[in-house]
């Protein structure tokens, strides 16, 4: 049975999410999280506030702190929100704390959903297989958008790809890289001055179905939830 699909937006939409929530952030939060987990990260703790992350850094200086505000690395953090940086860093066995302007805010806000997974193009197929296996009555596709304030091409596209596959409708993925390259949010990847957004990030975020796992938010009732990789 095909689930009822709800399309929601931003932090307010995450709060309204019910059933199985897919919190989508293609550029770049949940692409980054997938590459980090594929690189062997022990676990990833998504946090909403920079202040919370910095407090954790005082307690756990050996952890790796990654994330952004306005797309740029947070001062005092180890890495920005870049899959290119993640792939160039040995994260195997490391504990990561991740905060972003949009994606991690949505994860932490989706308290009314039965379960919560991250959404990105790089594991879209795995997300659909996971949903099919779980058979929820409702799927909430939460498009986090640009800084959780306005809709964006990349998150809308990811939501529509997931919805089409769940509803067994055709969706041509061949044109996705070109569509993403023309998106307003992608223009930073072509700006040589934007060293915090390397051109390779675009290609890494556009690699549809690269990974065969979902990232599910675990320990949601605890002060520090974590993302866990679940094969799908």
N, C-alpha and C. Protein backbone atom coordinates (compact mmCIF):
# COMPACT_ATOMS: atom_id res chain seq x y z
N UNK A 1 0.84 -1.19 0.00
CA UNK A 1 0.00 0.00 0.00
C UNK A 1 0.88 1.25 0.00
N UNK A 2 0.57 2.17 -0.90
CA UNK A 2 1.34 3.41 -0.97
C UNK A 2 0.96 4.31 0.21
N UNK A 3 1.94 4.83 0.92
CA UNK A 3 1.61 5.71 2.06
C UNK A 3 1.05 7.04 1.59
N UNK A 4 0.35 7.71 2.45
CA UNK A 4 -0.05 9.08 2.18
C UNK A 4 1.19 9.95 2.32
N UNK A 5 1.46 10.74 1.31
CA UNK A 5 2.67 11.57 1.31
C UNK A 5 2.31 13.01 1.59
N UNK A 6 2.90 13.55 2.64
CA UNK A 6 2.72 14.95 2.99
C UNK A 6 4.00 15.70 2.66
N UNK A 7 3.86 16.86 2.02
CA UNK A 7 5.00 17.71 1.72
C UNK A 7 4.94 18.92 2.65
N UNK A 8 6.02 19.10 3.38
CA UNK A 8 6.09 20.15 4.39
C UNK A 8 7.38 20.95 4.21
N UNK A 9 7.44 22.09 4.86
CA UNK A 9 8.61 22.95 4.66
C UNK A 9 9.12 23.55 5.96
N UNK A 10 10.46 23.63 6.03
CA UNK A 10 11.17 24.39 7.05
C UNK A 10 10.97 23.79 8.45
N UNK A 11 11.40 24.51 9.46
CA UNK A 11 11.32 24.00 10.83
C UNK A 11 9.86 23.82 11.25
N UNK A 12 9.01 24.73 10.84
CA UNK A 12 7.58 24.60 11.17
C UNK A 12 7.02 23.31 10.57
N UNK A 13 7.42 22.99 9.35
CA UNK A 13 6.97 21.75 8.74
C UNK A 13 7.50 20.52 9.47
N UNK A 14 8.73 20.60 9.94
CA UNK A 14 9.29 19.48 10.71
C UNK A 14 8.48 19.25 11.97
N UNK A 15 8.04 20.31 12.60
CA UNK A 15 7.23 20.17 13.81
C UNK A 15 5.88 19.51 13.51
N UNK A 16 5.39 19.72 12.29
CA UNK A 16 4.10 19.14 11.90
C UNK A 16 4.23 17.72 11.37
N UNK A 17 5.43 17.26 11.13
CA UNK A 17 5.64 15.95 10.50
C UNK A 17 5.08 14.82 11.35
N UNK A 18 4.45 13.87 10.68
CA UNK A 18 3.90 12.70 11.34
C UNK A 18 4.32 11.45 10.56
N UNK A 19 4.10 10.30 11.15
CA UNK A 19 4.47 9.07 10.49
C UNK A 19 5.98 8.95 10.38
N UNK A 20 6.45 8.58 9.22
CA UNK A 20 7.89 8.50 8.96
C UNK A 20 8.31 9.81 8.29
N UNK A 21 9.14 10.58 8.96
CA UNK A 21 9.58 11.87 8.45
C UNK A 21 10.92 11.74 7.75
N UNK A 22 10.99 12.30 6.55
CA UNK A 22 12.25 12.41 5.81
C UNK A 22 12.61 13.88 5.77
N UNK A 23 13.62 14.27 6.51
CA UNK A 23 14.04 15.67 6.59
C UNK A 23 15.13 15.88 5.53
N UNK A 24 14.80 16.69 4.54
CA UNK A 24 15.63 16.80 3.33
C UNK A 24 16.51 18.04 3.34
N UNK A 25 17.80 17.83 3.11
CA UNK A 25 18.76 18.93 2.96
C UNK A 25 19.86 18.44 2.03
N UNK A 26 19.72 18.73 0.75
CA UNK A 26 20.65 18.23 -0.27
C UNK A 26 21.96 19.00 -0.27
N UNK A 27 21.87 20.36 -0.24
CA UNK A 27 23.05 21.24 -0.21
C UNK A 27 23.23 21.80 1.20
N UNK A 28 23.96 21.25 2.14
CA UNK A 28 24.75 20.08 1.93
C UNK A 28 24.67 19.12 3.10
N UNK A 29 23.84 19.47 4.08
CA UNK A 29 23.91 18.80 5.38
C UNK A 29 23.82 17.28 5.31
N UNK A 30 22.80 16.78 4.61
CA UNK A 30 22.60 15.34 4.70
C UNK A 30 23.31 14.57 3.60
N UNK A 31 23.89 15.29 2.65
CA UNK A 31 24.90 14.67 1.79
C UNK A 31 26.18 14.50 2.61
N UNK A 32 26.57 15.55 3.33
CA UNK A 32 27.75 15.48 4.21
C UNK A 32 27.64 14.32 5.19
N UNK A 33 26.48 14.19 5.84
CA UNK A 33 26.31 13.14 6.84
C UNK A 33 26.49 11.75 6.23
N UNK A 34 25.98 11.57 5.01
CA UNK A 34 26.15 10.27 4.34
C UNK A 34 27.62 9.99 4.04
N UNK A 35 28.33 10.99 3.53
CA UNK A 35 29.75 10.78 3.22
C UNK A 35 30.54 10.53 4.50
N UNK A 36 30.17 11.20 5.58
CA UNK A 36 30.87 10.97 6.85
C UNK A 36 30.65 9.54 7.34
N UNK A 37 29.42 9.07 7.27
CA UNK A 37 29.14 7.71 7.73
C UNK A 37 29.81 6.69 6.82
N UNK A 38 29.79 6.94 5.53
CA UNK A 38 30.47 6.03 4.60
C UNK A 38 31.97 6.02 4.84
N UNK A 39 32.50 7.11 5.37
CA UNK A 39 33.92 7.19 5.69
C UNK A 39 34.30 6.54 7.00
N UNK A 40 33.30 5.96 7.68
CA UNK A 40 33.59 5.20 8.89
C UNK A 40 33.36 5.93 10.19
N UNK A 41 32.65 7.08 10.15
CA UNK A 41 32.36 7.79 11.39
C UNK A 41 31.67 6.86 12.37
N UNK A 42 32.06 6.94 13.63
CA UNK A 42 31.47 6.08 14.65
C UNK A 42 30.02 6.44 14.90
N UNK A 43 29.76 7.72 15.05
CA UNK A 43 28.39 8.22 15.13
C UNK A 43 28.39 9.71 14.87
N UNK A 44 27.20 10.22 14.55
CA UNK A 44 27.02 11.64 14.27
C UNK A 44 25.91 12.16 15.17
N UNK A 45 26.21 13.22 15.90
CA UNK A 45 25.21 13.86 16.75
C UNK A 45 24.77 15.16 16.07
N UNK A 46 23.55 15.23 15.54
CA UNK A 46 23.06 16.49 14.97
C UNK A 46 22.54 17.39 16.08
N UNK A 47 22.99 18.62 16.11
CA UNK A 47 22.50 19.56 17.12
C UNK A 47 21.98 20.80 16.40
N UNK A 48 21.04 21.48 17.06
CA UNK A 48 20.40 22.63 16.44
C UNK A 48 21.21 23.92 16.62
N UNK A 49 21.74 24.13 17.82
CA UNK A 49 22.36 25.41 18.15
C UNK A 49 23.88 25.33 18.16
N UNK A 50 24.51 26.37 17.63
CA UNK A 50 25.97 26.47 17.68
C UNK A 50 26.45 26.45 19.13
N UNK A 51 25.71 27.11 20.01
CA UNK A 51 26.11 27.18 21.42
C UNK A 51 26.15 25.78 22.04
N UNK A 52 25.19 24.94 21.67
CA UNK A 52 25.19 23.57 22.19
C UNK A 52 26.42 22.82 21.70
N UNK A 53 26.75 23.00 20.41
CA UNK A 53 27.92 22.34 19.86
C UNK A 53 29.20 22.80 20.55
N UNK A 54 29.33 24.10 20.77
CA UNK A 54 30.54 24.62 21.41
C UNK A 54 30.66 24.15 22.86
N UNK A 55 29.52 24.01 23.54
CA UNK A 55 29.56 23.48 24.90
C UNK A 55 30.03 22.03 24.89
N UNK A 56 29.60 21.28 23.90
CA UNK A 56 30.05 19.89 23.77
C UNK A 56 31.54 19.83 23.45
N UNK A 57 32.01 20.80 22.69
CA UNK A 57 33.44 20.84 22.34
C UNK A 57 34.31 21.03 23.58
N UNK A 58 33.80 21.80 24.54
CA UNK A 58 34.53 21.97 25.80
C UNK A 58 34.63 20.65 26.55
N UNK A 59 33.57 19.85 26.49
CA UNK A 59 33.52 18.58 27.21
C UNK A 59 34.24 17.46 26.48
N UNK A 60 34.21 17.53 25.14
CA UNK A 60 34.75 16.44 24.33
C UNK A 60 35.66 17.00 23.22
N UNK A 61 36.83 17.50 23.59
CA UNK A 61 37.71 18.10 22.59
C UNK A 61 38.23 17.12 21.55
N UNK A 62 38.10 15.82 21.82
CA UNK A 62 38.55 14.81 20.86
C UNK A 62 37.52 14.52 19.79
N UNK A 63 36.28 14.99 19.97
CA UNK A 63 35.26 14.80 18.94
C UNK A 63 35.53 15.76 17.77
N UNK A 64 34.92 15.46 16.64
CA UNK A 64 35.09 16.28 15.43
C UNK A 64 33.84 17.13 15.25
N UNK A 65 34.03 18.43 15.15
CA UNK A 65 32.90 19.36 15.06
C UNK A 65 32.82 19.93 13.65
N UNK A 66 31.66 19.74 13.02
CA UNK A 66 31.47 20.16 11.64
C UNK A 66 30.17 20.94 11.52
N UNK A 67 30.12 21.85 10.56
CA UNK A 67 28.88 22.56 10.32
C UNK A 67 29.06 23.96 9.80
N UNK A 68 27.93 24.65 9.63
CA UNK A 68 27.96 25.97 9.00
C UNK A 68 26.86 26.87 9.53
N UNK A 69 27.06 28.15 9.29
CA UNK A 69 26.03 29.15 9.35
C UNK A 69 26.24 30.04 8.13
N UNK A 70 25.16 30.30 7.40
CA UNK A 70 25.24 31.03 6.13
C UNK A 70 26.25 30.36 5.19
N UNK A 71 26.28 29.02 5.22
CA UNK A 71 27.10 28.16 4.35
C UNK A 71 28.58 28.14 4.72
N UNK A 72 29.02 28.98 5.63
CA UNK A 72 30.43 29.06 5.99
C UNK A 72 30.71 28.30 7.29
N UNK A 73 31.91 27.77 7.39
CA UNK A 73 32.30 27.04 8.59
C UNK A 73 32.14 27.90 9.84
N UNK A 74 31.61 27.29 10.90
CA UNK A 74 31.45 27.98 12.18
C UNK A 74 32.84 28.19 12.80
N UNK A 75 33.07 29.37 13.30
CA UNK A 75 34.36 29.67 13.95
C UNK A 75 34.59 28.71 15.12
N UNK A 76 35.78 28.13 15.15
CA UNK A 76 36.12 27.19 16.21
C UNK A 76 35.82 25.74 15.86
N UNK A 77 35.15 25.50 14.73
CA UNK A 77 34.85 24.14 14.31
C UNK A 77 36.02 23.55 13.53
N UNK A 78 36.02 22.22 13.43
CA UNK A 78 37.09 21.54 12.71
C UNK A 78 36.90 21.58 11.20
N UNK A 79 35.66 21.42 10.77
CA UNK A 79 35.35 21.38 9.34
C UNK A 79 34.07 22.14 9.07
N UNK A 80 33.93 22.56 7.82
CA UNK A 80 32.67 23.15 7.40
C UNK A 80 31.67 22.07 7.00
N UNK A 81 30.66 22.49 6.26
CA UNK A 81 29.59 21.60 5.85
C UNK A 81 29.82 21.14 4.42
N UNK A 82 30.96 20.53 4.19
CA UNK A 82 31.41 20.21 2.84
C UNK A 82 31.73 18.72 2.70
N UNK A 83 31.06 18.02 1.76
CA UNK A 83 31.42 16.62 1.54
C UNK A 83 32.85 16.45 1.04
N UNK A 84 33.35 17.45 0.32
CA UNK A 84 34.74 17.39 -0.14
C UNK A 84 35.69 17.37 1.05
N UNK A 85 35.45 18.24 2.04
CA UNK A 85 36.28 18.26 3.24
C UNK A 85 36.17 16.96 4.02
N UNK A 86 34.97 16.44 4.11
CA UNK A 86 34.76 15.19 4.85
C UNK A 86 35.55 14.07 4.20
N UNK A 87 35.50 13.97 2.88
CA UNK A 87 36.21 12.89 2.18
C UNK A 87 37.72 13.03 2.30
N UNK A 88 38.19 14.25 2.52
CA UNK A 88 39.64 14.47 2.65
C UNK A 88 40.12 14.30 4.09
N UNK A 89 39.19 13.99 5.00
CA UNK A 89 39.51 13.86 6.42
C UNK A 89 39.31 12.43 6.87
N UNK A 90 40.19 11.93 7.69
CA UNK A 90 40.04 10.58 8.24
C UNK A 90 39.03 10.65 9.40
N UNK A 91 37.81 10.24 9.10
CA UNK A 91 36.76 10.28 10.13
C UNK A 91 36.48 8.89 10.70
N UNK A 92 37.23 7.90 10.27
CA UNK A 92 36.99 6.53 10.73
C UNK A 92 37.08 6.44 12.24
N UNK A 93 36.04 5.92 12.86
CA UNK A 93 36.01 5.74 14.30
C UNK A 93 35.75 7.01 15.09
N UNK A 94 35.59 8.14 14.41
CA UNK A 94 35.42 9.42 15.11
C UNK A 94 33.96 9.67 15.47
N UNK A 95 33.75 10.42 16.53
CA UNK A 95 32.43 10.91 16.90
C UNK A 95 32.31 12.34 16.38
N UNK A 96 31.25 12.60 15.61
CA UNK A 96 31.06 13.90 14.98
C UNK A 96 29.87 14.62 15.60
N UNK A 97 29.99 15.92 15.75
CA UNK A 97 28.87 16.79 16.09
C UNK A 97 28.64 17.70 14.89
N UNK A 98 27.38 17.77 14.45
CA UNK A 98 27.05 18.44 13.19
C UNK A 98 25.92 19.44 13.43
N UNK A 99 26.13 20.68 13.06
CA UNK A 99 25.06 21.67 13.13
C UNK A 99 25.04 22.50 11.86
N UNK A 100 23.83 22.74 11.34
CA UNK A 100 23.68 23.51 10.10
C UNK A 100 22.49 24.45 10.23
N UNK A 101 22.42 25.35 9.26
CA UNK A 101 21.38 26.38 9.28
C UNK A 101 19.99 25.79 9.08
N UNK A 102 19.92 24.66 8.37
CA UNK A 102 18.60 24.12 8.02
C UNK A 102 18.43 22.67 8.47
N UNK A 103 19.22 21.77 7.90
CA UNK A 103 18.97 20.34 8.08
C UNK A 103 18.91 19.86 9.50
N UNK A 104 19.92 20.16 10.29
CA UNK A 104 19.93 19.63 11.66
C UNK A 104 18.83 20.28 12.51
N UNK A 105 18.43 21.50 12.14
CA UNK A 105 17.31 22.13 12.84
C UNK A 105 16.04 21.29 12.64
N UNK A 106 15.84 20.84 11.40
CA UNK A 106 14.66 20.05 11.10
C UNK A 106 14.65 18.71 11.80
N UNK A 107 15.81 18.06 11.85
CA UNK A 107 15.89 16.77 12.55
C UNK A 107 15.45 16.90 13.99
N UNK A 108 15.94 17.90 14.66
CA UNK A 108 15.65 18.06 16.09
C UNK A 108 14.23 18.56 16.34
N UNK A 109 13.61 19.17 15.31
CA UNK A 109 12.26 19.70 15.49
C UNK A 109 11.16 18.67 15.21
N UNK A 110 11.51 17.56 14.56
CA UNK A 110 10.50 16.60 14.11
C UNK A 110 10.09 15.65 15.24
N UNK A 111 9.66 16.21 16.35
CA UNK A 111 9.38 15.41 17.54
C UNK A 111 8.05 14.66 17.46
N UNK A 112 7.16 15.06 16.56
CA UNK A 112 5.87 14.40 16.46
C UNK A 112 5.84 13.22 15.52
N UNK A 113 6.93 12.98 14.80
CA UNK A 113 6.99 11.86 13.86
C UNK A 113 7.29 10.56 14.61
N UNK A 114 6.83 9.45 14.04
CA UNK A 114 7.12 8.14 14.64
C UNK A 114 8.59 7.79 14.51
N UNK A 115 9.19 8.13 13.38
CA UNK A 115 10.63 7.98 13.18
C UNK A 115 11.09 9.01 12.19
N UNK A 116 12.39 9.29 12.22
CA UNK A 116 12.96 10.38 11.43
C UNK A 116 14.22 9.88 10.73
N UNK A 117 14.30 10.14 9.42
CA UNK A 117 15.52 9.84 8.66
C UNK A 117 15.93 11.09 7.90
N UNK A 118 17.20 11.13 7.53
CA UNK A 118 17.68 12.25 6.72
C UNK A 118 17.33 12.00 5.25
N UNK A 119 17.24 13.10 4.51
CA UNK A 119 16.92 13.01 3.09
C UNK A 119 17.95 13.70 2.23
N UNK A 120 18.45 12.98 1.23
CA UNK A 120 19.38 13.56 0.26
C UNK A 120 19.31 12.74 -1.01
N UNK A 121 19.89 13.25 -2.07
CA UNK A 121 19.90 12.51 -3.33
C UNK A 121 20.85 11.32 -3.28
N UNK A 122 21.91 11.45 -2.50
CA UNK A 122 22.94 10.41 -2.52
C UNK A 122 22.46 9.07 -1.95
N UNK A 123 21.37 9.10 -1.19
CA UNK A 123 20.81 7.83 -0.70
C UNK A 123 19.30 7.76 -0.91
N UNK A 124 18.81 8.43 -1.95
CA UNK A 124 17.37 8.48 -2.20
C UNK A 124 16.78 7.09 -2.41
N UNK A 125 17.47 6.24 -3.16
CA UNK A 125 16.96 4.89 -3.40
C UNK A 125 16.85 4.09 -2.12
N UNK A 126 17.85 4.22 -1.25
CA UNK A 126 17.82 3.52 0.03
C UNK A 126 16.66 4.02 0.88
N UNK A 127 16.41 5.32 0.85
CA UNK A 127 15.28 5.88 1.61
C UNK A 127 13.97 5.25 1.14
N UNK A 128 13.79 5.14 -0.16
CA UNK A 128 12.55 4.56 -0.69
C UNK A 128 12.43 3.08 -0.33
N UNK A 129 13.51 2.35 -0.39
CA UNK A 129 13.46 0.93 0.01
C UNK A 129 13.14 0.80 1.49
N UNK A 130 13.72 1.67 2.28
CA UNK A 130 13.47 1.63 3.72
C UNK A 130 12.00 1.90 4.02
N UNK A 131 11.45 2.92 3.36
CA UNK A 131 10.04 3.25 3.57
C UNK A 131 9.15 2.09 3.14
N UNK A 132 9.46 1.48 2.00
CA UNK A 132 8.67 0.35 1.53
C UNK A 132 8.68 -0.80 2.53
N UNK A 133 9.83 -1.03 3.15
CA UNK A 133 9.94 -2.11 4.13
C UNK A 133 9.20 -1.76 5.43
N UNK A 134 9.20 -0.50 5.81
CA UNK A 134 8.57 -0.08 7.07
C UNK A 134 7.05 0.05 6.92
N UNK A 135 6.57 0.35 5.73
CA UNK A 135 5.15 0.45 5.41
C UNK A 135 4.39 1.42 6.32
N UNK A 136 4.88 2.64 6.44
CA UNK A 136 4.14 3.61 7.26
C UNK A 136 2.87 4.07 6.56
N UNK A 137 1.89 4.46 7.33
CA UNK A 137 0.66 5.00 6.74
C UNK A 137 0.90 6.40 6.17
N UNK A 138 1.81 7.14 6.81
CA UNK A 138 2.09 8.52 6.39
C UNK A 138 3.59 8.71 6.26
N UNK A 139 4.00 9.36 5.17
CA UNK A 139 5.38 9.79 5.00
C UNK A 139 5.38 11.31 4.90
N UNK A 140 6.13 11.96 5.75
CA UNK A 140 6.25 13.41 5.73
C UNK A 140 7.58 13.79 5.10
N UNK A 141 7.51 14.41 3.93
CA UNK A 141 8.71 14.88 3.25
C UNK A 141 8.91 16.35 3.62
N UNK A 142 9.92 16.60 4.44
CA UNK A 142 10.15 17.94 4.97
C UNK A 142 11.30 18.59 4.19
N UNK A 143 10.96 19.56 3.37
CA UNK A 143 11.96 20.27 2.56
C UNK A 143 12.49 21.44 3.39
N UNK A 144 13.75 21.34 3.77
CA UNK A 144 14.29 22.37 4.67
C UNK A 144 14.60 23.67 3.96
N UNK A 145 14.91 23.62 2.66
CA UNK A 145 15.08 24.84 1.89
C UNK A 145 16.34 25.62 2.23
N UNK A 146 16.42 26.80 1.65
CA UNK A 146 17.59 27.66 1.86
C UNK A 146 17.50 28.31 3.23
N UNK A 147 18.42 27.92 4.11
CA UNK A 147 18.49 28.44 5.48
C UNK A 147 17.17 28.30 6.22
N UNK A 148 16.39 27.28 5.83
CA UNK A 148 15.09 26.99 6.46
C UNK A 148 14.14 28.18 6.38
N UNK A 149 14.30 28.98 5.30
CA UNK A 149 13.47 30.17 5.15
C UNK A 149 12.74 30.23 3.82
N UNK A 150 13.33 29.64 2.77
CA UNK A 150 12.69 29.70 1.46
C UNK A 150 12.94 28.40 0.70
N UNK A 151 11.98 28.05 -0.13
CA UNK A 151 12.08 26.82 -0.91
C UNK A 151 13.29 26.88 -1.82
N UNK A 152 13.84 25.71 -2.14
CA UNK A 152 15.00 25.66 -3.02
C UNK A 152 14.85 24.50 -3.99
N UNK A 153 15.48 24.64 -5.14
CA UNK A 153 15.37 23.67 -6.23
C UNK A 153 15.79 22.28 -5.78
N UNK A 154 16.92 22.20 -5.09
CA UNK A 154 17.51 20.90 -4.78
C UNK A 154 16.66 20.08 -3.81
N UNK A 155 16.12 20.72 -2.79
CA UNK A 155 15.30 19.97 -1.83
C UNK A 155 13.94 19.61 -2.43
N UNK A 156 13.37 20.53 -3.24
CA UNK A 156 12.13 20.21 -3.94
C UNK A 156 12.33 19.01 -4.86
N UNK A 157 13.44 19.00 -5.57
CA UNK A 157 13.74 17.92 -6.51
C UNK A 157 13.88 16.59 -5.79
N UNK A 158 14.57 16.59 -4.68
CA UNK A 158 14.76 15.36 -3.91
C UNK A 158 13.41 14.84 -3.40
N UNK A 159 12.57 15.73 -2.91
CA UNK A 159 11.25 15.33 -2.42
C UNK A 159 10.43 14.71 -3.54
N UNK A 160 10.49 15.31 -4.72
CA UNK A 160 9.69 14.78 -5.84
C UNK A 160 10.23 13.45 -6.33
N UNK A 161 11.54 13.27 -6.29
CA UNK A 161 12.12 11.97 -6.66
C UNK A 161 11.65 10.89 -5.70
N UNK A 162 11.71 11.15 -4.42
CA UNK A 162 11.27 10.16 -3.43
C UNK A 162 9.79 9.87 -3.59
N UNK A 163 8.98 10.92 -3.76
CA UNK A 163 7.54 10.72 -3.91
C UNK A 163 7.23 9.90 -5.16
N UNK A 164 7.89 10.22 -6.27
CA UNK A 164 7.65 9.48 -7.52
C UNK A 164 7.97 8.01 -7.36
N UNK A 165 9.08 7.71 -6.73
CA UNK A 165 9.46 6.31 -6.55
C UNK A 165 8.49 5.59 -5.61
N UNK A 166 8.05 6.26 -4.57
CA UNK A 166 7.10 5.63 -3.65
C UNK A 166 5.77 5.35 -4.33
N UNK A 167 5.41 6.22 -5.27
CA UNK A 167 4.14 6.08 -5.99
C UNK A 167 4.29 5.33 -7.30
N UNK A 168 5.49 4.77 -7.50
CA UNK A 168 5.78 3.99 -8.71
C UNK A 168 5.53 4.79 -9.98
N UNK A 169 5.96 6.03 -9.95
CA UNK A 169 5.89 6.89 -11.13
C UNK A 169 7.28 7.06 -11.72
N UNK A 170 7.39 7.21 -13.03
CA UNK A 170 8.71 7.39 -13.63
C UNK A 170 9.31 8.74 -13.24
N UNK A 171 10.62 8.74 -13.09
CA UNK A 171 11.35 9.98 -12.79
C UNK A 171 12.71 9.86 -13.43
N UNK A 172 13.01 10.74 -14.36
CA UNK A 172 14.28 10.70 -15.08
C UNK A 172 15.37 11.36 -14.24
N UNK A 173 16.28 10.55 -13.74
CA UNK A 173 17.36 11.09 -12.90
C UNK A 173 18.54 11.62 -13.72
N UNK A 174 18.54 11.34 -15.03
CA UNK A 174 19.70 11.72 -15.85
C UNK A 174 19.92 13.22 -15.86
N UNK A 175 18.85 13.99 -15.77
CA UNK A 175 18.98 15.44 -15.84
C UNK A 175 19.23 16.12 -14.52
N UNK A 176 19.32 15.34 -13.44
CA UNK A 176 19.46 15.95 -12.12
C UNK A 176 20.74 16.78 -11.98
N UNK A 177 21.91 16.29 -12.40
CA UNK A 177 23.12 17.13 -12.24
C UNK A 177 23.00 18.49 -12.92
N UNK A 178 22.44 18.53 -14.13
CA UNK A 178 22.31 19.80 -14.83
C UNK A 178 21.30 20.71 -14.13
N UNK A 179 20.21 20.14 -13.64
CA UNK A 179 19.22 20.93 -12.91
C UNK A 179 19.84 21.53 -11.65
N UNK A 180 20.60 20.73 -10.93
CA UNK A 180 21.24 21.23 -9.72
C UNK A 180 22.27 22.30 -10.03
N UNK A 181 23.01 22.12 -11.10
CA UNK A 181 24.05 23.10 -11.45
C UNK A 181 23.46 24.47 -11.75
N UNK A 182 22.21 24.48 -12.24
CA UNK A 182 21.55 25.75 -12.57
C UNK A 182 20.79 26.34 -11.39
N UNK A 183 20.73 25.63 -10.28
CA UNK A 183 19.97 26.10 -9.12
C UNK A 183 20.65 27.31 -8.49
N UNK A 184 19.88 28.26 -7.99
CA UNK A 184 20.49 29.43 -7.35
C UNK A 184 21.48 29.07 -6.24
N UNK A 185 21.15 28.08 -5.44
CA UNK A 185 22.03 27.72 -4.32
C UNK A 185 23.33 27.08 -4.78
N UNK A 186 23.40 26.66 -6.04
CA UNK A 186 24.61 26.01 -6.55
C UNK A 186 25.63 27.01 -7.06
N UNK A 187 25.26 28.25 -7.21
CA UNK A 187 26.17 29.20 -7.84
C UNK A 187 27.43 29.44 -7.01
N UNK A 188 27.32 29.23 -5.71
CA UNK A 188 28.52 29.39 -4.87
C UNK A 188 29.60 28.39 -5.25
N UNK A 189 29.21 27.23 -5.76
CA UNK A 189 30.19 26.21 -6.12
C UNK A 189 31.04 26.62 -7.33
N UNK A 190 30.58 27.61 -8.07
CA UNK A 190 31.31 28.08 -9.26
C UNK A 190 32.09 29.36 -8.99
N UNK A 191 32.05 29.82 -7.76
CA UNK A 191 32.73 31.07 -7.39
C UNK A 191 34.08 30.74 -6.77
N UNK A 192 35.18 31.04 -7.44
CA UNK A 192 36.51 30.73 -6.89
C UNK A 192 36.76 31.36 -5.53
N UNK A 193 36.08 32.46 -5.24
CA UNK A 193 36.28 33.12 -3.95
C UNK A 193 35.57 32.38 -2.81
N UNK A 194 34.63 31.53 -3.16
CA UNK A 194 33.88 30.79 -2.13
C UNK A 194 34.64 29.51 -1.80
N UNK A 195 35.76 29.67 -1.14
CA UNK A 195 36.61 28.52 -0.83
C UNK A 195 35.93 27.53 0.11
N UNK A 196 34.90 27.99 0.79
CA UNK A 196 34.14 27.14 1.71
C UNK A 196 33.10 26.29 0.98
N UNK A 197 33.00 26.46 -0.34
CA UNK A 197 32.04 25.70 -1.15
C UNK A 197 32.73 25.21 -2.42
N UNK A 198 33.61 24.23 -2.33
CA UNK A 198 34.36 23.78 -3.51
C UNK A 198 33.45 23.22 -4.60
N UNK A 199 33.90 23.36 -5.83
CA UNK A 199 33.12 22.90 -6.98
C UNK A 199 32.77 21.42 -6.87
N UNK A 200 33.66 20.63 -6.30
CA UNK A 200 33.42 19.20 -6.18
C UNK A 200 32.24 18.87 -5.27
N UNK A 201 31.87 19.79 -4.38
CA UNK A 201 30.71 19.55 -3.53
C UNK A 201 29.45 19.33 -4.35
N UNK A 202 29.31 20.10 -5.44
CA UNK A 202 28.13 19.96 -6.29
C UNK A 202 28.02 18.54 -6.84
N UNK A 203 29.12 18.04 -7.38
CA UNK A 203 29.10 16.69 -7.95
C UNK A 203 28.83 15.63 -6.88
N UNK A 204 29.39 15.82 -5.71
CA UNK A 204 29.18 14.84 -4.64
C UNK A 204 27.74 14.84 -4.16
N UNK A 205 27.12 16.01 -4.09
CA UNK A 205 25.72 16.09 -3.66
C UNK A 205 24.76 15.58 -4.74
N UNK A 206 25.19 15.62 -5.98
CA UNK A 206 24.33 15.21 -7.10
C UNK A 206 24.48 13.73 -7.46
N UNK A 207 25.28 12.99 -6.71
CA UNK A 207 25.52 11.57 -7.02
C UNK A 207 24.34 10.73 -6.53
N UNK A 208 23.31 10.66 -7.34
CA UNK A 208 22.06 10.00 -6.96
C UNK A 208 22.31 8.51 -6.67
N UNK A 209 21.76 8.05 -5.55
CA UNK A 209 21.77 6.63 -5.16
C UNK A 209 23.18 6.08 -4.93
N UNK A 210 24.08 6.92 -4.50
CA UNK A 210 25.45 6.46 -4.28
C UNK A 210 25.55 5.51 -3.08
N UNK A 211 24.72 5.72 -2.07
CA UNK A 211 24.83 4.94 -0.84
C UNK A 211 23.59 4.08 -0.61
N UNK A 212 23.80 2.92 0.01
CA UNK A 212 22.72 1.96 0.20
C UNK A 212 22.27 1.88 1.66
N UNK A 213 22.33 2.99 2.36
CA UNK A 213 21.86 3.03 3.74
C UNK A 213 21.05 4.30 3.97
N UNK A 214 20.22 4.25 5.00
CA UNK A 214 19.56 5.46 5.47
C UNK A 214 20.22 5.88 6.78
N UNK A 215 20.08 7.15 7.10
CA UNK A 215 20.54 7.65 8.39
C UNK A 215 19.31 7.95 9.23
N UNK A 216 19.12 7.14 10.25
CA UNK A 216 17.94 7.25 11.12
C UNK A 216 18.33 7.92 12.44
N UNK A 217 17.48 8.82 12.90
CA UNK A 217 17.74 9.50 14.16
C UNK A 217 17.35 8.59 15.31
N UNK A 218 18.33 8.25 16.13
CA UNK A 218 18.14 7.35 17.27
C UNK A 218 18.26 8.14 18.58
N UNK A 219 17.83 7.50 19.66
CA UNK A 219 17.90 8.11 21.00
C UNK A 219 17.21 9.48 21.02
N UNK A 220 16.06 9.53 20.40
CA UNK A 220 15.36 10.82 20.25
C UNK A 220 14.86 11.38 21.58
N UNK A 221 14.73 10.52 22.57
CA UNK A 221 14.29 10.98 23.88
C UNK A 221 15.45 11.35 24.80
N UNK A 222 16.65 11.29 24.26
CA UNK A 222 17.84 11.61 25.03
C UNK A 222 18.33 13.03 24.73
N UNK A 223 19.15 13.60 25.61
CA UNK A 223 19.64 14.96 25.36
C UNK A 223 20.46 15.08 24.08
N UNK A 224 21.10 13.99 23.66
CA UNK A 224 21.98 14.06 22.49
C UNK A 224 21.65 12.92 21.52
N UNK A 225 20.63 13.09 20.68
CA UNK A 225 20.30 12.06 19.69
C UNK A 225 21.46 11.85 18.73
N UNK A 226 21.43 10.71 18.05
CA UNK A 226 22.51 10.37 17.10
C UNK A 226 21.92 9.81 15.83
N UNK A 227 22.67 9.95 14.75
CA UNK A 227 22.32 9.33 13.49
C UNK A 227 22.98 7.97 13.40
N UNK A 228 22.22 6.97 12.99
CA UNK A 228 22.74 5.62 12.82
C UNK A 228 22.47 5.18 11.39
N UNK A 229 23.46 4.53 10.78
CA UNK A 229 23.31 4.01 9.42
C UNK A 229 22.55 2.70 9.47
N UNK A 230 21.47 2.60 8.68
CA UNK A 230 20.66 1.39 8.60
C UNK A 230 20.66 0.92 7.15
N UNK A 231 21.16 -0.29 6.87
CA UNK A 231 21.17 -0.78 5.48
C UNK A 231 19.77 -0.83 4.90
N UNK A 232 19.66 -0.53 3.62
CA UNK A 232 18.35 -0.57 2.97
C UNK A 232 18.51 -0.97 1.50
